[in-house]
Every structure is written in C-alpha cells, then in structure tokens.
Amino acid sequence: MLKRILLSAALVGSTAAAVPTLAAAQFTGPGATETLSTVSAVKNAYDDAYVELDGYIVNKVRDEEYMFRDDSGEIMIEIDDEDFRGQAVTPKTEVTIKGEVDKDWNDVKIDVDRIELKSAADVNAPDSLITN
C-alpha cells in the first residue's frame, strides 16, 4: 500500500512539473498560423491574419490612419492614438508594427495593436521614404 502511495505521489509530482512547460509551448507544424512579415504578403493575406512588419510610417492620411512602407511596398495602417504609448515617431524612425490584416471588399489595411521603435536615432531611413 505504501508503495502505491509513493508511486502515485511521484507521478503527480512529475506531471505537475511538466505542466508549466506544456502551457508555454505552441504548435509550429502544418496548419500553424504564419506571421506575415512584408507589405506584399499582407496584400494577399486573409482577414485577421497576424502581421509583424519592419519599416516606416511615412505620413498621416487622416485621424488614426497612416501610410506604412517597407522594402516590398506601401499599405494603409490604422493606429489608435493610445497605441503610440507616448513614443515619438517620424518618417525616418524605423519601427516594428504588430497587428492584424483588416480586409474589406476591395480594401486591405492593417489594424495595428503595437508599435516598437527599431532604432533610437531618426537618421537611419533614406530620404526617399519621406512623402508629403
């Protein structure tokens, strides 16, 4: 009887130790969600696909809507004012934007959830990125 109790306690302890590892894991095989990383890929993506893009916010189009550019092209992005989190961003500031594809009938844009600055200095972007 004592052996069964000890064996049960050992099994429960080893299972409990494995649970945090399993909870942090995610599936990476066939059918897993792919992160889109270029503007050209986003333009052909399905609605609500996750995106993570590096590039530049080159101009403000209207309230909370901006033009974003990377090496593969340009796309309209929507950023809620609070998602800037007090960060100053200029057309020369390289950023990473994270969010989802927002696809309508004939319009594709990105709904940005988070902006991260790639560099502290605003001198990295070529002047050709700046549009008026």
N, C-alpha and C. Protein backbone atom coordinates (compact mmCIF):
# COMPACT_ATOMS: atom_id res chain seq x y z
N MET A 1 0.83 -1.20 0.00
CA MET A 1 0.00 0.00 0.00
C MET A 1 0.86 1.26 0.00
N LEU A 2 1.90 1.25 0.81
CA LEU A 2 2.79 2.39 0.88
C LEU A 2 3.48 2.62 -0.46
N LYS A 3 3.81 1.52 -1.18
CA LYS A 3 4.45 1.64 -2.49
C LYS A 3 3.51 2.33 -3.48
N ARG A 4 2.23 2.01 -3.43
CA ARG A 4 1.26 2.64 -4.33
C ARG A 4 1.13 4.13 -4.03
N ILE A 5 1.11 4.51 -2.78
CA ILE A 5 1.01 5.92 -2.40
C ILE A 5 2.24 6.68 -2.88
N LEU A 6 3.43 6.10 -2.67
CA LEU A 6 4.65 6.77 -3.11
C LEU A 6 4.72 6.88 -4.63
N LEU A 7 4.28 5.82 -5.33
CA LEU A 7 4.28 5.84 -6.79
C LEU A 7 3.29 6.88 -7.30
N SER A 8 2.12 6.96 -6.70
CA SER A 8 1.12 7.96 -7.09
C SER A 8 1.65 9.37 -6.85
N ALA A 9 2.29 9.59 -5.73
CA ALA A 9 2.85 10.91 -5.41
C ALA A 9 3.94 11.28 -6.41
N ALA A 10 4.75 10.33 -6.80
CA ALA A 10 5.82 10.59 -7.77
C ALA A 10 5.24 10.95 -9.13
N LEU A 11 4.19 10.24 -9.56
CA LEU A 11 3.57 10.53 -10.84
C LEU A 11 2.91 11.91 -10.85
N VAL A 12 2.22 12.24 -9.78
CA VAL A 12 1.57 13.54 -9.69
C VAL A 12 2.63 14.65 -9.69
N GLY A 13 3.70 14.48 -8.98
CA GLY A 13 4.77 15.47 -8.92
C GLY A 13 5.44 15.68 -10.27
N SER A 14 5.69 14.58 -11.00
CA SER A 14 6.34 14.73 -12.30
C SER A 14 5.39 15.35 -13.32
N THR A 15 4.11 15.05 -13.25
CA THR A 15 3.13 15.66 -14.15
C THR A 15 2.99 17.14 -13.86
N ALA A 16 2.95 17.52 -12.61
CA ALA A 16 2.82 18.93 -12.24
C ALA A 16 4.03 19.72 -12.69
N ALA A 17 5.21 19.11 -12.64
CA ALA A 17 6.42 19.80 -13.08
C ALA A 17 6.39 20.04 -14.58
N ALA A 18 5.73 19.19 -15.35
CA ALA A 18 5.70 19.32 -16.81
C ALA A 18 4.65 20.31 -17.29
N VAL A 19 3.65 20.60 -16.47
CA VAL A 19 2.56 21.46 -16.90
C VAL A 19 3.02 22.86 -17.30
N PRO A 20 3.88 23.56 -16.54
CA PRO A 20 4.29 24.90 -16.99
C PRO A 20 5.00 24.87 -18.34
N THR A 21 5.77 23.85 -18.61
CA THR A 21 6.45 23.74 -19.89
C THR A 21 5.44 23.55 -21.01
N LEU A 22 4.45 22.72 -20.80
CA LEU A 22 3.45 22.48 -21.82
C LEU A 22 2.61 23.71 -22.08
N ALA A 23 2.31 24.47 -21.03
CA ALA A 23 1.47 25.64 -21.20
C ALA A 23 2.16 26.73 -22.02
N ALA A 24 3.50 26.78 -21.99
CA ALA A 24 4.23 27.81 -22.72
C ALA A 24 4.50 27.39 -24.16
N ALA A 25 4.30 26.13 -24.49
CA ALA A 25 4.59 25.65 -25.84
C ALA A 25 3.47 26.03 -26.80
N GLN A 26 3.78 26.04 -28.08
CA GLN A 26 2.78 26.28 -29.10
C GLN A 26 3.05 25.40 -30.30
N PHE A 27 2.04 25.16 -31.09
CA PHE A 27 2.16 24.29 -32.25
C PHE A 27 2.87 25.04 -33.38
N THR A 28 3.84 24.38 -34.01
CA THR A 28 4.59 25.01 -35.10
C THR A 28 4.60 24.18 -36.37
N GLY A 29 3.77 23.15 -36.46
CA GLY A 29 3.74 22.27 -37.63
C GLY A 29 2.73 22.70 -38.67
N PRO A 30 2.35 21.77 -39.53
CA PRO A 30 1.38 22.07 -40.60
C PRO A 30 0.07 22.64 -40.04
N GLY A 31 -0.40 23.71 -40.65
CA GLY A 31 -1.65 24.33 -40.21
C GLY A 31 -1.46 25.42 -39.19
N ALA A 32 -0.22 25.59 -38.69
CA ALA A 32 0.02 26.65 -37.71
C ALA A 32 -0.10 28.01 -38.39
N THR A 33 -0.49 29.00 -37.62
CA THR A 33 -0.64 30.35 -38.15
C THR A 33 0.73 30.93 -38.46
N GLU A 34 0.88 31.45 -39.67
CA GLU A 34 2.14 32.06 -40.09
C GLU A 34 2.09 33.55 -39.86
N THR A 35 3.18 34.13 -39.40
CA THR A 35 3.27 35.57 -39.22
C THR A 35 3.70 36.20 -40.54
N LEU A 36 2.93 37.16 -41.01
CA LEU A 36 3.26 37.86 -42.25
C LEU A 36 4.27 38.95 -41.94
N SER A 37 5.32 39.07 -42.77
CA SER A 37 6.40 39.99 -42.44
C SER A 37 6.74 41.00 -43.54
N THR A 38 5.95 41.05 -44.62
CA THR A 38 6.16 42.06 -45.66
C THR A 38 4.82 42.63 -46.11
N VAL A 39 4.85 43.87 -46.59
CA VAL A 39 3.64 44.51 -47.09
C VAL A 39 3.07 43.71 -48.25
N SER A 40 3.92 43.23 -49.15
CA SER A 40 3.41 42.48 -50.30
C SER A 40 2.70 41.21 -49.87
N ALA A 41 3.16 40.55 -48.83
CA ALA A 41 2.48 39.35 -48.33
C ALA A 41 1.14 39.70 -47.70
N VAL A 42 1.08 40.84 -47.02
CA VAL A 42 -0.16 41.27 -46.37
C VAL A 42 -1.25 41.52 -47.40
N LYS A 43 -0.90 42.08 -48.54
CA LYS A 43 -1.89 42.42 -49.56
C LYS A 43 -2.61 41.19 -50.11
N ASN A 44 -2.02 40.02 -49.97
CA ASN A 44 -2.64 38.78 -50.45
C ASN A 44 -3.13 37.89 -49.31
N ALA A 45 -3.14 38.41 -48.09
CA ALA A 45 -3.48 37.61 -46.92
C ALA A 45 -4.98 37.59 -46.66
N TYR A 46 -5.39 36.69 -45.80
CA TYR A 46 -6.78 36.61 -45.39
C TYR A 46 -7.05 37.58 -44.23
N ASP A 47 -8.31 37.92 -44.02
CA ASP A 47 -8.72 38.82 -42.95
C ASP A 47 -8.30 38.27 -41.60
N ASP A 48 -7.84 39.14 -40.73
CA ASP A 48 -7.43 38.83 -39.36
C ASP A 48 -6.11 38.07 -39.26
N ALA A 49 -5.37 37.90 -40.35
CA ALA A 49 -4.06 37.26 -40.29
C ALA A 49 -3.12 38.14 -39.46
N TYR A 50 -2.25 37.51 -38.66
CA TYR A 50 -1.32 38.24 -37.81
C TYR A 50 -0.15 38.76 -38.64
N VAL A 51 0.24 40.01 -38.39
CA VAL A 51 1.36 40.62 -39.11
C VAL A 51 2.36 41.20 -38.12
N GLU A 52 3.61 41.17 -38.53
CA GLU A 52 4.70 41.81 -37.80
C GLU A 52 5.66 42.35 -38.86
N LEU A 53 5.62 43.67 -39.07
CA LEU A 53 6.36 44.30 -40.16
C LEU A 53 7.38 45.30 -39.64
N ASP A 54 8.54 45.34 -40.30
CA ASP A 54 9.56 46.34 -40.03
C ASP A 54 9.54 47.35 -41.18
N GLY A 55 9.53 48.63 -40.85
CA GLY A 55 9.52 49.65 -41.88
C GLY A 55 9.31 51.02 -41.29
N TYR A 56 8.61 51.88 -42.05
CA TYR A 56 8.48 53.28 -41.69
C TYR A 56 7.04 53.76 -41.86
N ILE A 57 6.58 54.56 -40.91
CA ILE A 57 5.30 55.25 -41.04
C ILE A 57 5.65 56.56 -41.74
N VAL A 58 5.28 56.67 -43.02
CA VAL A 58 5.79 57.77 -43.83
C VAL A 58 4.91 59.02 -43.84
N ASN A 59 3.62 58.88 -43.59
CA ASN A 59 2.78 60.08 -43.46
C ASN A 59 1.43 59.74 -42.84
N LYS A 60 0.80 60.78 -42.30
CA LYS A 60 -0.54 60.64 -41.72
C LYS A 60 -1.54 60.98 -42.80
N VAL A 61 -2.52 60.10 -43.02
CA VAL A 61 -3.52 60.29 -44.06
C VAL A 61 -4.74 61.01 -43.49
N ARG A 62 -5.22 60.53 -42.36
CA ARG A 62 -6.33 61.16 -41.63
C ARG A 62 -6.28 60.63 -40.19
N ASP A 63 -7.25 61.00 -39.38
CA ASP A 63 -7.25 60.63 -37.97
C ASP A 63 -7.04 59.13 -37.80
N GLU A 64 -5.96 58.76 -37.13
CA GLU A 64 -5.59 57.38 -36.81
C GLU A 64 -5.32 56.50 -38.02
N GLU A 65 -5.11 57.08 -39.20
CA GLU A 65 -4.75 56.31 -40.39
C GLU A 65 -3.46 56.87 -40.98
N TYR A 66 -2.53 55.97 -41.29
CA TYR A 66 -1.20 56.34 -41.74
C TYR A 66 -0.79 55.45 -42.91
N MET A 67 0.20 55.92 -43.69
CA MET A 67 0.79 55.12 -44.74
C MET A 67 2.07 54.51 -44.19
N PHE A 68 2.20 53.19 -44.35
CA PHE A 68 3.37 52.45 -43.88
C PHE A 68 4.13 51.92 -45.09
N ARG A 69 5.45 51.95 -45.04
CA ARG A 69 6.26 51.48 -46.16
C ARG A 69 7.39 50.57 -45.66
N ASP A 70 7.57 49.45 -46.37
CA ASP A 70 8.75 48.62 -46.17
C ASP A 70 9.39 48.41 -47.53
N ASP A 71 10.37 47.52 -47.61
CA ASP A 71 11.08 47.31 -48.88
C ASP A 71 10.20 46.72 -49.98
N SER A 72 9.05 46.15 -49.61
CA SER A 72 8.20 45.49 -50.61
C SER A 72 7.01 46.33 -51.07
N GLY A 73 6.74 47.47 -50.41
CA GLY A 73 5.63 48.30 -50.84
C GLY A 73 5.04 49.15 -49.72
N GLU A 74 3.85 49.69 -50.00
CA GLU A 74 3.13 50.56 -49.06
C GLU A 74 1.76 49.99 -48.76
N ILE A 75 1.26 50.30 -47.55
CA ILE A 75 -0.08 49.89 -47.17
C ILE A 75 -0.61 50.87 -46.12
N MET A 76 -1.92 51.05 -46.12
CA MET A 76 -2.58 51.89 -45.12
C MET A 76 -2.62 51.11 -43.80
N ILE A 77 -2.34 51.82 -42.71
CA ILE A 77 -2.44 51.21 -41.38
C ILE A 77 -3.30 52.08 -40.50
N GLU A 78 -3.96 51.46 -39.55
CA GLU A 78 -4.80 52.17 -38.58
C GLU A 78 -4.19 51.98 -37.20
N ILE A 79 -3.86 53.10 -36.56
CA ILE A 79 -3.24 53.05 -35.24
C ILE A 79 -4.05 53.93 -34.30
N ASP A 80 -4.60 53.34 -33.25
CA ASP A 80 -5.29 54.13 -32.23
C ASP A 80 -4.24 55.00 -31.54
N ASP A 81 -4.60 56.23 -31.20
CA ASP A 81 -3.65 57.16 -30.60
C ASP A 81 -2.93 56.57 -29.39
N GLU A 82 -3.65 55.83 -28.55
CA GLU A 82 -3.03 55.28 -27.35
C GLU A 82 -2.01 54.18 -27.65
N ASP A 83 -2.06 53.60 -28.85
CA ASP A 83 -1.10 52.55 -29.21
C ASP A 83 0.30 53.10 -29.50
N PHE A 84 0.43 54.40 -29.64
CA PHE A 84 1.77 55.00 -29.77
C PHE A 84 2.51 54.98 -28.43
N ARG A 85 1.77 54.87 -27.34
CA ARG A 85 2.32 54.78 -25.98
C ARG A 85 3.35 55.87 -25.69
N GLY A 86 3.10 57.09 -26.19
CA GLY A 86 3.99 58.21 -25.90
C GLY A 86 5.28 58.22 -26.71
N GLN A 87 5.43 57.30 -27.64
CA GLN A 87 6.65 57.23 -28.45
C GLN A 87 6.57 58.24 -29.59
N ALA A 88 7.64 59.01 -29.80
CA ALA A 88 7.71 59.94 -30.91
C ALA A 88 8.18 59.18 -32.15
N VAL A 89 7.39 59.25 -33.22
CA VAL A 89 7.71 58.55 -34.47
C VAL A 89 7.71 59.56 -35.61
N THR A 90 8.77 59.56 -36.41
CA THR A 90 8.86 60.42 -37.59
C THR A 90 8.98 59.51 -38.81
N PRO A 91 8.91 60.07 -40.02
CA PRO A 91 9.08 59.24 -41.22
C PRO A 91 10.45 58.57 -41.32
N LYS A 92 11.42 59.02 -40.53
CA LYS A 92 12.75 58.41 -40.54
C LYS A 92 12.96 57.41 -39.40
N THR A 93 11.95 57.20 -38.57
CA THR A 93 12.06 56.27 -37.45
C THR A 93 11.67 54.88 -37.92
N GLU A 94 12.61 53.93 -37.86
CA GLU A 94 12.27 52.55 -38.22
C GLU A 94 11.49 51.93 -37.07
N VAL A 95 10.37 51.31 -37.39
CA VAL A 95 9.50 50.71 -36.38
C VAL A 95 9.15 49.27 -36.75
N THR A 96 8.70 48.54 -35.76
CA THR A 96 8.06 47.25 -35.97
C THR A 96 6.60 47.44 -35.58
N ILE A 97 5.70 47.10 -36.49
CA ILE A 97 4.27 47.16 -36.16
C ILE A 97 3.74 45.73 -36.06
N LYS A 98 2.87 45.53 -35.09
CA LYS A 98 2.26 44.22 -34.88
C LYS A 98 0.75 44.41 -34.85
N GLY A 99 0.04 43.55 -35.57
CA GLY A 99 -1.41 43.68 -35.62
C GLY A 99 -2.03 42.64 -36.51
N GLU A 100 -3.19 42.96 -37.08
CA GLU A 100 -3.94 42.03 -37.92
C GLU A 100 -4.34 42.69 -39.23
N VAL A 101 -4.50 41.85 -40.23
CA VAL A 101 -5.00 42.31 -41.53
C VAL A 101 -6.47 42.65 -41.38
N ASP A 102 -6.86 43.79 -41.92
CA ASP A 102 -8.26 44.21 -41.94
C ASP A 102 -8.66 44.29 -43.41
N LYS A 103 -9.35 43.26 -43.89
CA LYS A 103 -9.67 43.15 -45.31
C LYS A 103 -11.16 43.36 -45.52
N ASP A 104 -11.49 44.36 -46.38
CA ASP A 104 -12.87 44.60 -46.79
C ASP A 104 -13.01 44.13 -48.23
N TRP A 105 -14.09 44.49 -48.90
CA TRP A 105 -14.35 44.04 -50.26
C TRP A 105 -13.18 44.31 -51.20
N ASN A 106 -12.74 45.56 -51.24
CA ASN A 106 -11.64 45.90 -52.14
C ASN A 106 -10.61 46.79 -51.46
N ASP A 107 -10.44 46.60 -50.16
CA ASP A 107 -9.52 47.41 -49.38
C ASP A 107 -8.80 46.51 -48.37
N VAL A 108 -7.49 46.65 -48.30
CA VAL A 108 -6.70 45.90 -47.32
C VAL A 108 -5.88 46.91 -46.54
N LYS A 109 -5.96 46.82 -45.21
CA LYS A 109 -5.11 47.64 -44.36
C LYS A 109 -4.76 46.83 -43.12
N ILE A 110 -3.94 47.40 -42.28
CA ILE A 110 -3.50 46.72 -41.07
C ILE A 110 -4.03 47.47 -39.86
N ASP A 111 -4.67 46.75 -38.96
CA ASP A 111 -5.10 47.30 -37.69
C ASP A 111 -3.96 47.04 -36.70
N VAL A 112 -3.22 48.08 -36.35
CA VAL A 112 -2.02 47.95 -35.53
C VAL A 112 -2.39 47.90 -34.05
N ASP A 113 -1.83 46.91 -33.35
CA ASP A 113 -2.04 46.78 -31.92
C ASP A 113 -0.86 47.32 -31.12
N ARG A 114 0.34 47.25 -31.74
CA ARG A 114 1.56 47.63 -31.02
C ARG A 114 2.60 48.18 -31.99
N ILE A 115 3.32 49.21 -31.52
CA ILE A 115 4.43 49.80 -32.27
C ILE A 115 5.67 49.70 -31.40
N GLU A 116 6.77 49.24 -31.99
CA GLU A 116 8.05 49.20 -31.28
C GLU A 116 9.08 49.94 -32.13
N LEU A 117 9.87 50.79 -31.48
CA LEU A 117 10.93 51.51 -32.18
C LEU A 117 12.09 50.56 -32.44
N LYS A 118 12.60 50.54 -33.66
CA LYS A 118 13.74 49.70 -34.02
C LYS A 118 15.05 50.38 -33.69
N SER A 119 15.07 51.71 -33.76
CA SER A 119 16.31 52.44 -33.51
C SER A 119 16.00 53.70 -32.72
N ALA A 120 16.97 54.12 -31.93
CA ALA A 120 16.78 55.32 -31.11
C ALA A 120 16.95 56.59 -31.95
N ALA A 121 17.79 56.52 -32.97
CA ALA A 121 18.04 57.71 -33.80
C ALA A 121 17.12 57.72 -35.00
N ASP A 122 16.77 58.91 -35.46
CA ASP A 122 15.89 59.07 -36.61
C ASP A 122 16.68 59.28 -37.90
N VAL A 123 17.89 58.81 -37.95
CA VAL A 123 18.75 59.10 -39.11
C VAL A 123 18.96 57.89 -39.99
N ASN A 124 18.28 56.79 -39.73
CA ASN A 124 18.53 55.56 -40.47
C ASN A 124 17.78 55.43 -41.78
N ALA A 125 16.69 56.13 -41.94
CA ALA A 125 15.86 55.98 -43.14
C ALA A 125 16.40 56.84 -44.27
N PRO A 126 16.36 56.30 -45.47
CA PRO A 126 16.73 57.13 -46.62
C PRO A 126 15.69 58.22 -46.85
N ASP A 127 16.12 59.36 -47.36
CA ASP A 127 15.20 60.48 -47.60
C ASP A 127 14.12 60.13 -48.60
N SER A 128 14.32 59.12 -49.44
CA SER A 128 13.32 58.75 -50.42
C SER A 128 12.06 58.19 -49.78
N LEU A 129 12.11 57.82 -48.49
CA LEU A 129 10.93 57.29 -47.80
C LEU A 129 9.95 58.38 -47.42
N ILE A 130 10.42 59.59 -47.30
CA ILE A 130 9.57 60.67 -46.83
C ILE A 130 8.69 61.17 -47.96
N THR A 131 7.37 61.18 -47.71
CA THR A 131 6.43 61.69 -48.70
C THR A 131 5.65 62.84 -48.08
N ASN A 132 5.17 63.68 -48.89
CA ASN A 132 4.39 64.83 -48.37
C ASN A 132 2.94 64.66 -48.67
